[in-house]
């Protein structure tokens, strides 16, 4: 079946299912739907929110395509298939819903209007609809992609999702491996789903080039970049060998002003309970692959992606569990010019395109490299990251980079402390600590009191313990630059960074001595312009 035909069919199915649930004649005048308009059983529930260790600022307290409710309201979800919010109806996705002690979060599909998303705020009242015309896959209901993280001997981390059939490994060299088992089509014997039954000869079948994976794996679509190697391990009792293929882009995803490449189809491939990738024999993607035999759950697959960045979100309240988002090279394609023309007609497209083509060092990557140098006491790397002139953050001292000897670095790192783990790495901190970055902009306060905001929205107010000693010195940090002694350096590019452990996390080292001030020169290069004084006692 061609890709165009598949998409046409999926759009037809979506249109039929949505139009059948509205409960009113299409000829009636258009009006905003409310719960009482439904011809099906309905229930109104109140949106709840996950409590994090750091409170969520009120102005950013909203969710996209999520419905979070208190577990006391779960009884209303037993037969609910849709949710009505702001006059739009969305189909509920039970798969991957995290059931926790006090709340549960459900995802939704897009509404009948292309591009319409669900936005909910804490305290909103939404309408659940029990529409029997919407088909929910019982085999997938209540599946929660909980992630368990484990440290490997070399300092890398493995993130396992046993319920969702994949393992994600975060390597020190910024490659990342994702692997899992082949996923057969679901419900192929269901007479009401002849479309899925018809795919049995197309996916996982001998001599075809489409491979089925668990639909939840598609949430990691940043790993499935076009041209990445896709390895299948053919394993059964009589045979055991592997073969490598190459991934092809399946769709271009336009999200707001950006364009992304997807090498994996998500949304459980048109209702059939799986995702799929398209594999080719050659790296130039000219010859479609031909599977050696029919694939089964005994077979496994693996993709290694390059240039991967992982971002840890806030700690869940009462635990050291963190949610992780990530992306790798090859999934970002550029800006969506059409979106800017429609939504921001005054935008300077040429300037935006030019900025996209500029290659400036990543400040997060810079900080991670510095952290690794601190842990391993690699003084040559640390020294190379310093600016020629260096000021101390929390005492009245200045340094010339060229006067800093190895003894200085030894004293500094001795005060810093070390992680008592063999092959310790920056991932040990990243896995359990929160990276705080404060970057001054024209919208920032004119003064800065060393209160960090890990959400990039002002309001969380995490104060560094180093702040008291910083404020007692004659140092200036504001929206126009930084200064010390009789020197003031104008800068809109300087950034202050540190690590912080959550209330339920055991600190691995004195992360507050890892606080640094970084600035960019006129060429965009980064260097450390400020460090703490290791002789100043920091009380926790």
Protein backbone atom coordinates (compact mmCIF):
# COMPACT_ATOMS: atom_id res chain seq x y z
CA UNK A 1 0.00 0.00 0.00
CA UNK A 2 1.45 3.37 -0.98
CA UNK A 3 2.12 6.07 1.59
CA UNK A 4 -0.41 8.39 -0.08
CA UNK A 5 -3.11 5.72 0.08
CA UNK A 6 -2.33 4.99 3.71
CA UNK A 7 -2.60 8.63 4.69
CA UNK A 8 -5.83 9.04 2.73
CA UNK A 9 -7.34 6.08 4.49
CA UNK A 10 -6.26 7.32 7.93
CA UNK A 11 -7.77 10.74 7.22
CA UNK A 12 -11.03 9.09 6.15
CA UNK A 13 -11.18 7.02 9.33
CA UNK A 14 -10.46 10.08 11.46
CA UNK A 15 -13.13 12.15 9.70
CA UNK A 16 -15.77 9.47 10.12
CA UNK A 17 -15.03 8.86 13.78
CA UNK A 18 -15.08 12.53 14.71
CA UNK A 19 -18.17 13.47 12.70
CA UNK A 20 -20.09 10.57 14.22
CA UNK A 21 -19.54 11.82 17.74
CA UNK A 22 -20.85 15.35 17.58
CA UNK A 23 -24.49 14.48 18.13
CA UNK A 24 -26.04 17.22 15.95
CA UNK A 25 -27.07 17.72 12.32
CA UNK A 26 -24.37 19.21 10.06
CA UNK A 27 -27.02 21.52 8.61
CA UNK A 28 -27.58 23.28 11.93
CA UNK A 29 -25.92 26.67 12.47
CA UNK A 30 -22.39 26.40 13.83
CA UNK A 31 -22.20 26.80 17.60
CA UNK A 32 -19.79 26.21 20.44
CA UNK A 33 -20.26 22.74 21.87
CA UNK A 34 -20.86 22.25 25.56
CA UNK A 35 -21.25 19.13 27.65
CA UNK A 36 -25.05 19.22 27.51
CA UNK A 37 -24.99 19.07 23.69
CA UNK A 38 -23.74 15.51 23.64
CA UNK A 39 -26.09 12.64 22.87
CA UNK A 40 -23.86 10.30 24.89
CA UNK A 41 -23.25 9.90 28.64
CA UNK A 42 -20.93 12.65 29.88
CA UNK A 43 -19.05 13.55 33.05
CA UNK A 44 -17.39 16.78 34.11
CA UNK A 45 -14.03 16.50 35.87
CA UNK A 46 -11.52 19.07 37.14
CA UNK A 47 -8.01 19.27 35.70
CA UNK A 48 -5.34 18.48 38.28
CA UNK A 49 -1.58 18.86 38.01
CA UNK A 50 1.46 16.83 38.90
CA UNK A 51 3.22 18.33 41.91
CA UNK A 52 6.91 18.88 41.35
CA UNK A 53 9.60 19.61 43.89
CA UNK A 54 9.81 23.14 42.51
CA UNK A 55 6.40 24.84 42.20
CA UNK A 56 5.06 25.67 38.75
CA UNK A 57 4.70 29.42 38.13
CA UNK A 58 1.11 30.44 37.55
CA UNK A 59 1.73 32.01 34.14
CA UNK A 60 3.14 28.77 32.71
CA UNK A 61 0.71 26.43 34.43
CA UNK A 62 -0.84 24.80 31.37
CA UNK A 63 -0.60 21.50 29.53
CA UNK A 64 -0.72 20.70 25.81
CA UNK A 65 -2.71 17.66 24.63
CA UNK A 66 -2.82 16.27 28.17
CA UNK A 67 -5.65 15.68 30.62
CA UNK A 68 -4.44 15.26 34.21
CA UNK A 69 -7.01 14.29 36.84
CA UNK A 70 -7.04 13.20 40.44
CA UNK A 71 -7.24 9.47 40.80
CA UNK A 72 -10.56 9.88 42.58
CA UNK A 73 -12.00 10.85 39.18
CA UNK A 74 -10.68 7.78 37.36
CA UNK A 75 -14.02 6.01 37.60
CA UNK A 76 -15.31 8.39 34.92
CA UNK A 77 -12.58 7.30 32.51
CA UNK A 78 -13.60 3.64 32.50
CA UNK A 79 -15.91 4.11 29.50
CA UNK A 80 -14.84 7.58 28.34
CA UNK A 81 -13.44 7.80 24.82
CA UNK A 82 -13.37 11.55 24.20
CA UNK A 83 -12.90 14.85 25.98
CA UNK A 84 -14.57 18.19 25.17
CA UNK A 85 -12.53 21.33 25.87
CA UNK A 86 -13.28 24.87 24.62
CA UNK A 87 -15.77 23.61 22.05
CA UNK A 88 -13.37 21.07 20.52
CA UNK A 89 -13.60 17.29 20.83
CA UNK A 90 -10.44 15.18 21.20
CA UNK A 91 -10.13 11.38 21.22
CA UNK A 92 -8.56 10.04 24.43
CA UNK A 93 -5.38 7.98 24.17
CA UNK A 94 -5.20 5.51 27.02
CA UNK A 95 -1.84 4.18 25.96
CA UNK A 96 1.07 5.41 28.01
CA UNK A 97 -1.14 7.01 30.69
CA UNK A 98 0.98 7.32 33.86
CA UNK A 99 -0.97 6.05 36.85
CA UNK A 100 0.59 7.50 39.98
CA UNK A 101 -0.44 7.58 43.59
CA UNK A 102 -2.51 10.76 43.41
CA UNK A 103 -3.08 11.55 39.73
CA UNK A 104 -3.25 10.13 36.22
CA UNK A 105 -2.40 11.80 32.92
CA UNK A 106 -4.04 10.92 29.59
CA UNK A 107 -2.95 12.06 26.15
CA UNK A 108 -5.36 13.04 23.42
CA UNK A 109 -5.35 13.02 19.63
CA UNK A 110 -5.75 16.18 17.61
CA UNK A 111 -9.31 17.28 17.06
CA UNK A 112 -11.24 17.15 13.79
CA UNK A 113 -9.72 20.53 12.88
CA UNK A 114 -6.20 20.08 11.56
CA UNK A 115 -3.62 21.58 13.91
CA UNK A 116 -6.03 22.28 16.79
CA UNK A 117 -4.43 21.33 20.12
CA UNK A 118 -5.88 20.91 23.58
CA UNK A 119 -4.71 23.38 26.23
CA UNK A 120 -5.71 22.79 29.84
CA UNK A 121 -4.97 24.70 33.03
CA UNK A 122 -5.15 23.55 36.61
CA UNK A 123 -8.72 23.93 37.84
CA UNK A 124 -10.32 23.79 34.38
CA UNK A 125 -13.54 21.80 34.11
CA UNK A 126 -13.56 19.46 31.09
CA UNK A 127 -16.24 17.14 29.74
CA UNK A 128 -15.63 13.40 29.32
CA UNK A 129 -17.75 11.70 26.67
CA UNK A 130 -18.69 8.03 26.55
CA UNK A 131 -18.96 7.68 22.78
CA UNK A 132 -19.20 3.99 21.76
CA UNK A 133 -18.50 4.92 18.14
CA UNK A 134 -14.87 5.63 19.06
CA UNK A 135 -12.79 2.48 19.21
CA UNK A 136 -10.30 2.10 22.07
CA UNK A 137 -7.73 -0.68 21.78
CA UNK A 138 -8.20 -2.77 24.94
CA UNK A 139 -4.84 -4.46 24.52
CA UNK A 140 -3.11 -1.08 24.87
CA UNK A 141 -5.26 0.46 27.60
CA UNK A 142 -3.44 1.40 30.81
CA UNK A 143 0.03 0.77 29.38
CA UNK A 144 2.39 3.14 31.19
CA UNK A 145 5.81 3.78 29.73
CA UNK A 146 7.52 4.11 33.10
CA UNK A 147 11.28 4.54 32.79
CA UNK A 148 13.84 2.94 35.09
CA UNK A 149 17.36 4.37 34.86
CA UNK A 150 20.48 2.35 35.59
CA UNK A 151 24.12 3.35 35.72
CA UNK A 152 26.51 1.31 33.59
CA UNK A 153 30.07 0.54 34.62
CA UNK A 154 31.57 3.06 32.21
CA UNK A 155 29.47 5.94 33.56
CA UNK A 156 26.82 5.83 30.81
CA UNK A 157 23.14 5.51 31.68
CA UNK A 158 20.50 3.10 30.46
CA UNK A 159 16.84 4.12 30.53
CA UNK A 160 14.59 1.08 30.34
CA UNK A 161 10.90 1.13 29.55
CA UNK A 162 9.89 -2.52 30.07
CA UNK A 163 6.15 -1.97 29.52
CA UNK A 164 6.81 -0.24 26.22
CA UNK A 165 9.40 -2.59 24.82
CA UNK A 166 12.49 -0.44 24.39
CA UNK A 167 15.75 0.56 26.10
CA UNK A 168 17.49 3.89 25.60
CA UNK A 169 21.21 4.16 26.35
CA UNK A 170 22.88 7.54 26.85
CA UNK A 171 26.58 7.32 26.06
CA UNK A 172 29.38 9.64 27.16
CA UNK A 173 30.36 10.47 23.57
CA UNK A 174 26.84 11.92 22.93
CA UNK A 175 25.75 8.98 20.85
CA UNK A 176 22.60 7.23 21.97
CA UNK A 177 21.36 3.71 21.32
CA UNK A 178 17.69 2.76 21.28
CA UNK A 179 16.72 -0.90 20.94
CA UNK A 180 13.72 -3.13 21.38
CA UNK A 181 11.79 -6.08 20.01
CA UNK A 182 9.88 -6.33 16.77
CA UNK A 183 6.19 -5.56 17.29
CA UNK A 184 3.56 -7.55 15.36
CA UNK A 185 0.36 -5.87 14.20
CA UNK A 186 -2.38 -5.72 16.83
CA UNK A 187 -5.98 -6.84 16.31
CA UNK A 188 -5.33 -8.28 12.86
CA UNK A 189 -8.10 -10.83 13.44
CA UNK A 190 -10.67 -8.12 14.26
CA UNK A 191 -13.26 -8.14 11.51
CA UNK A 192 -14.02 -4.47 12.17
CA UNK A 193 -10.45 -3.53 11.35
CA UNK A 194 -9.87 -4.94 7.89
CA UNK A 195 -7.34 -2.20 7.18
CA UNK A 196 -4.97 -3.51 9.85
CA UNK A 197 -5.47 -7.04 8.62
CA UNK A 198 -4.48 -5.91 5.15
CA UNK A 199 -1.13 -4.66 6.41
CA UNK A 200 0.06 -8.13 7.41
CA UNK A 201 1.69 -8.57 4.02
CA UNK A 202 3.35 -5.17 4.16
CA UNK A 203 4.87 -4.90 7.64
CA UNK A 204 7.36 -7.42 9.10
CA UNK A 205 6.80 -9.69 6.10
CA UNK A 206 9.53 -11.38 4.08
CA UNK A 207 10.75 -9.37 1.06
CA UNK A 208 9.15 -6.10 2.31
CA UNK A 209 10.90 -2.97 3.59
CA UNK A 210 8.63 -1.87 6.47
CA UNK A 211 9.36 -2.95 10.03
CA UNK A 212 6.93 -2.73 12.95
CA UNK A 213 7.95 -1.32 16.34
CA UNK A 214 5.94 -0.61 19.47
CA UNK A 215 3.99 2.61 18.85
CA UNK A 216 5.41 4.13 22.05
CA UNK A 217 8.91 4.02 20.55
CA UNK A 218 7.81 6.75 18.13
CA UNK A 219 7.91 9.20 21.04
CA UNK A 220 11.69 8.93 20.59
CA UNK A 221 11.47 10.01 16.95
CA UNK A 222 14.55 12.23 17.34
CA UNK A 223 16.61 9.02 17.20
CA UNK A 224 15.20 7.89 13.87
CA UNK A 225 16.93 10.38 11.58
CA UNK A 226 17.12 9.69 7.86
CA UNK A 227 20.31 7.79 7.05
CA UNK A 228 20.75 6.32 10.53
CA UNK A 229 21.67 2.65 10.65
CA UNK A 230 18.82 0.31 11.58
CA UNK A 231 20.11 -3.11 12.63
CA UNK A 232 17.88 -6.19 12.87
CA UNK A 233 19.06 -9.12 14.95
CA UNK A 234 17.42 -12.19 13.41
CA UNK A 235 17.20 -14.59 16.34
CA UNK A 236 15.53 -17.96 16.46
CA UNK A 237 16.47 -21.48 17.47
CA UNK A 238 18.15 -22.42 14.20
CA UNK A 239 19.63 -19.06 13.20
CA UNK A 240 21.35 -16.16 14.89
CA UNK A 241 22.75 -13.30 12.83
CA UNK A 242 22.20 -9.60 12.28
CA UNK A 243 21.91 -7.30 9.30
CA UNK A 244 22.12 -3.51 9.01
CA UNK A 245 19.92 -1.27 6.90
CA UNK A 246 19.38 2.50 6.57
CA UNK A 247 16.36 4.57 7.60
CA UNK A 248 14.29 6.70 5.24
CA UNK A 249 12.34 9.80 6.22
CA UNK A 250 8.63 8.94 6.38
CA UNK A 251 7.16 12.35 7.03
CA UNK A 252 8.04 16.00 7.51
CA UNK A 253 6.67 17.36 10.76
CA UNK A 254 5.94 21.10 10.92
CA UNK A 255 5.54 22.38 14.46
CA UNK A 256 5.02 26.12 14.63
CA UNK A 257 7.98 27.89 13.05
CA UNK A 258 10.15 24.78 12.79
CA UNK A 259 10.39 21.77 10.49
CA UNK A 260 11.44 18.34 11.74
CA UNK A 261 12.17 15.06 10.00
CA UNK A 262 10.52 11.86 11.19
CA UNK A 263 11.95 8.51 10.21
CA UNK A 264 9.25 6.69 12.15
CA UNK A 265 5.47 6.93 11.88
CA UNK A 266 3.81 7.44 15.24
CA UNK A 267 0.22 7.50 16.56
CA UNK A 268 0.28 3.70 16.47
CA UNK A 269 0.17 3.60 12.65
CA UNK A 270 -3.39 4.44 11.82
CA UNK A 271 -4.96 2.61 14.75
CA UNK A 272 -3.19 -0.72 14.27
CA UNK A 273 -1.17 -0.66 17.50
CA UNK A 274 2.36 -0.22 16.13
CA UNK A 275 4.80 2.27 14.67
CA UNK A 276 6.78 1.60 11.50
CA UNK A 277 10.10 2.45 9.86
CA UNK A 278 11.06 2.24 6.18
CA UNK A 279 14.45 0.61 5.61
CA UNK A 280 16.82 0.68 2.61
CA UNK A 281 19.74 -1.49 1.59
CA UNK A 282 22.18 1.33 0.78
CA UNK A 283 23.25 4.51 2.52
CA UNK A 284 22.16 6.58 -0.49
CA UNK A 285 18.59 5.29 0.02
CA UNK A 286 18.15 4.18 -3.58
CA UNK A 287 17.22 0.51 -3.03
CA UNK A 288 14.47 -0.60 -0.68
CA UNK A 289 15.44 -3.36 1.70
CA UNK A 290 14.03 -6.86 1.49
CA UNK A 291 13.58 -8.64 4.83
CA UNK A 292 15.14 -12.08 4.93
CA UNK A 293 12.04 -13.65 6.47
CA UNK A 294 8.90 -12.80 8.41
CA UNK A 295 9.80 -11.01 11.62
CA UNK A 296 8.45 -12.03 15.04
CA UNK A 297 8.74 -10.83 18.62
CA UNK A 298 11.84 -13.02 18.96
CA UNK A 299 13.71 -10.60 16.69
CA UNK A 300 15.24 -7.37 17.99
CA UNK A 301 16.28 -4.05 16.45
CA UNK A 302 18.72 -1.26 17.27
CA UNK A 303 19.41 2.31 16.15
CA UNK A 304 22.49 4.37 17.08
CA UNK A 305 22.07 8.14 16.74
CA UNK A 306 24.77 10.83 16.87
CA UNK A 307 24.92 14.23 18.54
CA UNK A 308 22.24 13.50 21.13
CA UNK A 309 21.27 15.93 23.87
CA UNK A 310 19.24 14.86 26.90
CA UNK A 311 17.29 17.31 29.03
CA UNK A 312 16.09 16.41 32.53
CA UNK A 313 12.90 18.05 33.66
CA UNK A 314 11.84 18.85 37.21
CA UNK A 315 11.85 16.15 39.91
CA UNK A 316 8.51 14.59 40.76
CA UNK A 317 7.43 15.45 44.28
CA UNK A 318 8.45 12.88 46.88
CA UNK A 319 10.85 11.03 44.60
CA UNK A 320 14.08 11.38 42.69
CA UNK A 321 12.33 10.42 39.43
CA UNK A 322 12.78 12.82 36.54
CA UNK A 323 11.23 12.91 33.09
CA UNK A 324 13.69 13.10 30.19
CA UNK A 325 13.41 14.69 26.77
CA UNK A 326 16.04 14.29 24.10
CA UNK A 327 16.93 14.85 20.48
CA UNK A 328 19.74 13.87 18.11
CA UNK A 329 21.34 15.13 14.92
CA UNK A 330 19.31 14.84 11.75
CA UNK A 331 15.80 15.48 13.05
CA UNK A 332 15.82 19.29 12.77
CA UNK A 333 15.50 20.55 9.17
CA UNK A 334 15.09 24.31 9.58
CA UNK A 335 12.47 27.03 9.98
CA UNK A 336 8.97 26.95 8.55
CA UNK A 337 8.89 30.12 6.42
CA UNK A 338 5.19 29.69 5.61
CA UNK A 339 4.36 29.70 9.31
CA UNK A 340 6.22 32.97 9.87
CA UNK A 341 4.54 34.61 6.86
CA UNK A 342 1.12 33.65 8.20
CA UNK A 343 1.61 34.21 11.92
CA UNK A 344 4.34 36.85 12.05
CA UNK A 345 4.22 38.80 8.77
CA UNK A 346 6.66 41.38 10.12
CA UNK A 347 9.38 38.81 10.79
CA UNK A 348 12.73 39.31 9.07
CA UNK A 349 12.93 35.95 7.27
CA UNK A 350 16.44 36.60 5.92
CA UNK A 351 17.73 37.38 9.42
CA UNK A 352 16.08 34.27 10.83
CA UNK A 353 17.58 32.09 8.10
CA UNK A 354 20.99 33.68 8.67
CA UNK A 355 20.80 33.01 12.40
CA UNK A 356 19.88 29.39 11.67
CA UNK A 357 23.01 28.99 9.57
CA UNK A 358 25.28 30.47 12.23
CA UNK A 359 27.21 27.83 14.10
CA UNK A 360 27.77 29.07 17.65
CA UNK A 361 28.95 26.84 20.50
CA UNK A 362 26.22 25.49 22.77
CA UNK A 363 26.43 26.92 26.27
CA UNK A 364 24.91 23.76 27.76
CA UNK A 365 27.50 21.62 26.00
CA UNK A 366 30.22 23.97 27.22
CA UNK A 367 29.01 23.62 30.81
CA UNK A 368 28.83 19.84 30.57
CA UNK A 369 32.39 19.71 29.25
CA UNK A 370 33.51 21.91 32.13
CA UNK A 371 31.73 19.64 34.62
CA UNK A 372 33.45 16.59 33.14
CA UNK A 373 36.82 18.34 33.42
CA UNK A 374 36.11 19.07 37.08
CA UNK A 375 35.16 15.49 37.84
CA UNK A 376 38.16 13.95 36.07
CA UNK A 377 40.49 16.78 37.18
CA UNK A 378 41.58 17.34 33.60
CA UNK A 379 43.40 20.59 34.23
CA UNK A 380 44.49 21.17 30.63
CA UNK A 381 40.88 21.21 29.39
CA UNK A 382 39.77 23.43 32.26
CA UNK A 383 42.64 25.85 31.67
CA UNK A 384 41.80 26.08 27.96
CA UNK A 385 38.21 27.07 28.81
CA UNK A 386 39.25 30.09 30.91
CA UNK A 387 39.25 33.68 29.72
CA UNK A 388 42.59 35.53 29.89
CA UNK A 389 41.20 37.70 32.72
CA UNK A 390 39.20 36.01 35.44
CA UNK A 391 37.22 37.42 38.35
CA UNK A 392 36.17 35.51 41.45
CA UNK A 393 32.44 35.43 42.07
CA UNK A 394 32.39 35.47 45.87
CA UNK A 395 35.57 37.24 46.96
CA UNK A 396 37.56 40.30 45.94
CA UNK A 397 40.14 38.46 43.86
CA UNK A 398 41.07 38.59 40.20
CA UNK A 399 43.32 36.22 38.27
CA UNK A 400 45.27 36.16 35.08
CA UNK A 401 44.76 32.83 33.35
CA UNK A 402 48.49 32.54 32.67
CA UNK A 403 49.34 32.74 36.38
CA UNK A 404 47.16 29.79 37.39
CA UNK A 405 49.38 26.81 38.14
CA UNK A 406 48.55 23.15 38.54
CA UNK A 407 48.66 23.65 42.30
CA UNK A 408 45.79 26.11 42.01
CA UNK A 409 43.70 23.56 40.14
CA UNK A 410 44.58 20.84 42.65
CA UNK A 411 43.48 23.03 45.55
CA UNK A 412 40.29 23.99 43.76
CA UNK A 413 39.24 20.46 42.90
CA UNK A 414 40.18 19.19 46.36
CA UNK A 415 37.77 21.73 47.82
CA UNK A 416 35.27 20.80 45.16
CA UNK A 417 35.25 17.14 46.12
CA UNK A 418 34.96 14.10 43.89
CA UNK A 419 32.23 11.64 43.06
CA UNK A 420 32.98 8.34 44.74
CA UNK A 421 32.09 6.28 41.69
CA UNK A 422 34.39 4.41 39.38
CA UNK A 423 34.49 6.09 35.94
CA UNK A 424 32.42 8.99 37.29
CA UNK A 425 31.00 11.26 34.62
CA UNK A 426 28.83 14.34 34.05
CA UNK A 427 25.90 11.95 33.52
CA UNK A 428 26.03 11.06 37.21
CA UNK A 429 25.18 14.67 38.01
CA UNK A 430 22.77 15.15 35.11
CA UNK A 431 20.81 12.05 36.06
CA UNK A 432 19.96 13.36 39.52
CA UNK A 433 20.70 17.11 39.57
CA UNK A 434 19.11 20.16 38.02
CA UNK A 435 21.16 22.37 35.71
CA UNK A 436 20.36 26.01 36.38
CA UNK A 437 21.16 28.66 33.78
CA UNK A 438 20.59 32.37 34.21
CA UNK A 439 21.03 34.39 31.05
CA UNK A 440 20.43 38.12 31.13
CA UNK A 441 18.22 39.66 28.47
CA UNK A 442 16.73 43.07 27.90
CA UNK A 443 13.63 41.76 29.70
CA UNK A 444 15.51 40.76 32.84
CA UNK A 445 15.58 42.73 36.05
CA UNK A 446 18.25 45.42 36.13
CA UNK A 447 19.81 43.71 39.15
CA UNK A 448 20.44 40.07 39.91
CA UNK A 449 20.41 38.53 43.39
CA UNK A 450 21.58 35.00 42.47
CA UNK A 451 18.09 33.57 42.36
CA UNK A 452 17.91 30.99 39.58
CA UNK A 453 14.90 29.95 37.59
CA UNK A 454 15.19 26.40 36.19
CA UNK A 455 11.99 26.67 34.17
CA UNK A 456 13.13 29.62 32.04
CA UNK A 457 10.01 31.38 33.35
CA UNK A 458 10.57 33.83 36.18
CA UNK A 459 8.93 32.63 39.33
CA UNK A 460 10.47 29.38 40.59
CA UNK A 461 13.12 31.18 42.65
CA UNK A 462 15.81 28.63 43.49
CA UNK A 463 18.48 30.48 45.46
CA UNK A 464 22.05 29.23 45.36
CA UNK A 465 23.73 28.86 48.80
CA UNK A 466 26.68 30.66 47.28
CA UNK A 467 24.47 33.72 46.88
CA UNK A 468 25.05 35.16 50.36
CA UNK A 469 28.83 35.31 49.97
CA UNK A 470 28.44 36.64 46.42
CA UNK A 471 26.24 39.52 47.52
CA UNK A 472 28.67 40.50 50.27
CA UNK A 473 31.33 41.30 47.68
CA UNK A 474 31.74 44.36 45.53
CA UNK A 475 30.57 42.58 42.41
CA UNK A 476 27.95 43.66 39.86
CA UNK A 477 25.79 41.35 37.74
CA UNK A 478 22.89 42.97 35.91
CA UNK A 479 21.14 43.06 32.56
CA UNK A 480 23.85 45.23 30.98
CA UNK A 481 26.92 43.29 32.08
CA UNK A 482 29.14 42.42 35.03
CA UNK A 483 31.84 44.24 36.96
CA UNK A 484 34.43 44.02 39.72
CA UNK A 485 36.93 46.43 41.27
CA UNK A 486 37.03 49.41 38.89
CA UNK A 487 36.20 47.28 35.85
CA UNK A 488 32.78 46.93 34.24
CA UNK A 489 32.25 44.77 31.14
CA UNK A 490 29.18 45.45 29.06
CA UNK A 491 27.66 42.19 27.91
CA UNK A 492 24.27 40.89 26.89
CA UNK A 493 25.71 37.43 26.34
CA UNK A 494 27.09 36.45 29.71
CA UNK A 495 25.46 33.55 31.52
CA UNK A 496 25.65 32.16 35.06
CA UNK A 497 25.36 28.39 35.48
CA UNK A 498 25.32 25.96 38.37
CA UNK A 499 23.99 22.57 39.49
CA UNK A 500 21.44 22.00 42.22
CA UNK A 501 20.19 18.82 43.86
CA UNK A 502 16.46 18.44 44.47
CA UNK A 503 15.16 18.15 48.05
CA UNK A 504 14.92 14.37 47.65
CA UNK A 505 18.27 13.95 45.91
CA UNK A 506 21.57 13.26 47.65
CA UNK A 507 24.18 15.71 46.31
CA UNK A 508 27.03 13.92 44.54
CA UNK A 509 29.53 16.73 45.11
CA UNK A 510 29.67 20.37 46.10
CA UNK A 511 27.83 21.41 42.96
CA UNK A 512 27.73 25.04 44.07
CA UNK A 513 31.48 25.28 43.57
CA UNK A 514 30.72 24.34 39.96
CA UNK A 515 29.04 27.72 39.55
CA UNK A 516 30.68 29.69 36.75
CA UNK A 517 30.09 32.86 34.73
CA UNK A 518 30.53 32.39 30.97
CA UNK A 519 30.65 35.03 28.26
CA UNK A 520 30.87 35.08 24.45
CA UNK A 521 33.40 37.12 22.51
CA UNK A 522 32.61 38.98 19.30
CA UNK A 523 33.09 35.76 17.32
CA UNK A 524 30.60 33.88 19.48
CA UNK A 525 33.23 31.79 21.26
CA UNK A 526 32.63 30.91 24.91
CA UNK A 527 35.02 31.25 27.84
CA UNK A 528 34.81 31.27 31.63
CA UNK A 529 35.10 34.80 33.01
CA UNK A 530 34.10 34.10 36.62
CA UNK A 531 34.60 31.25 39.11
CA UNK A 532 33.97 30.84 42.85
CA UNK A 533 36.69 31.23 45.47
CA UNK A 534 37.45 27.72 46.68
CA UNK A 535 38.74 29.15 49.99
CA UNK A 536 35.31 30.47 50.96
CA UNK A 537 33.36 28.00 53.06
CA UNK A 538 29.97 27.20 51.53
CA UNK A 539 27.38 26.12 54.10
CA UNK A 540 24.51 23.96 52.87
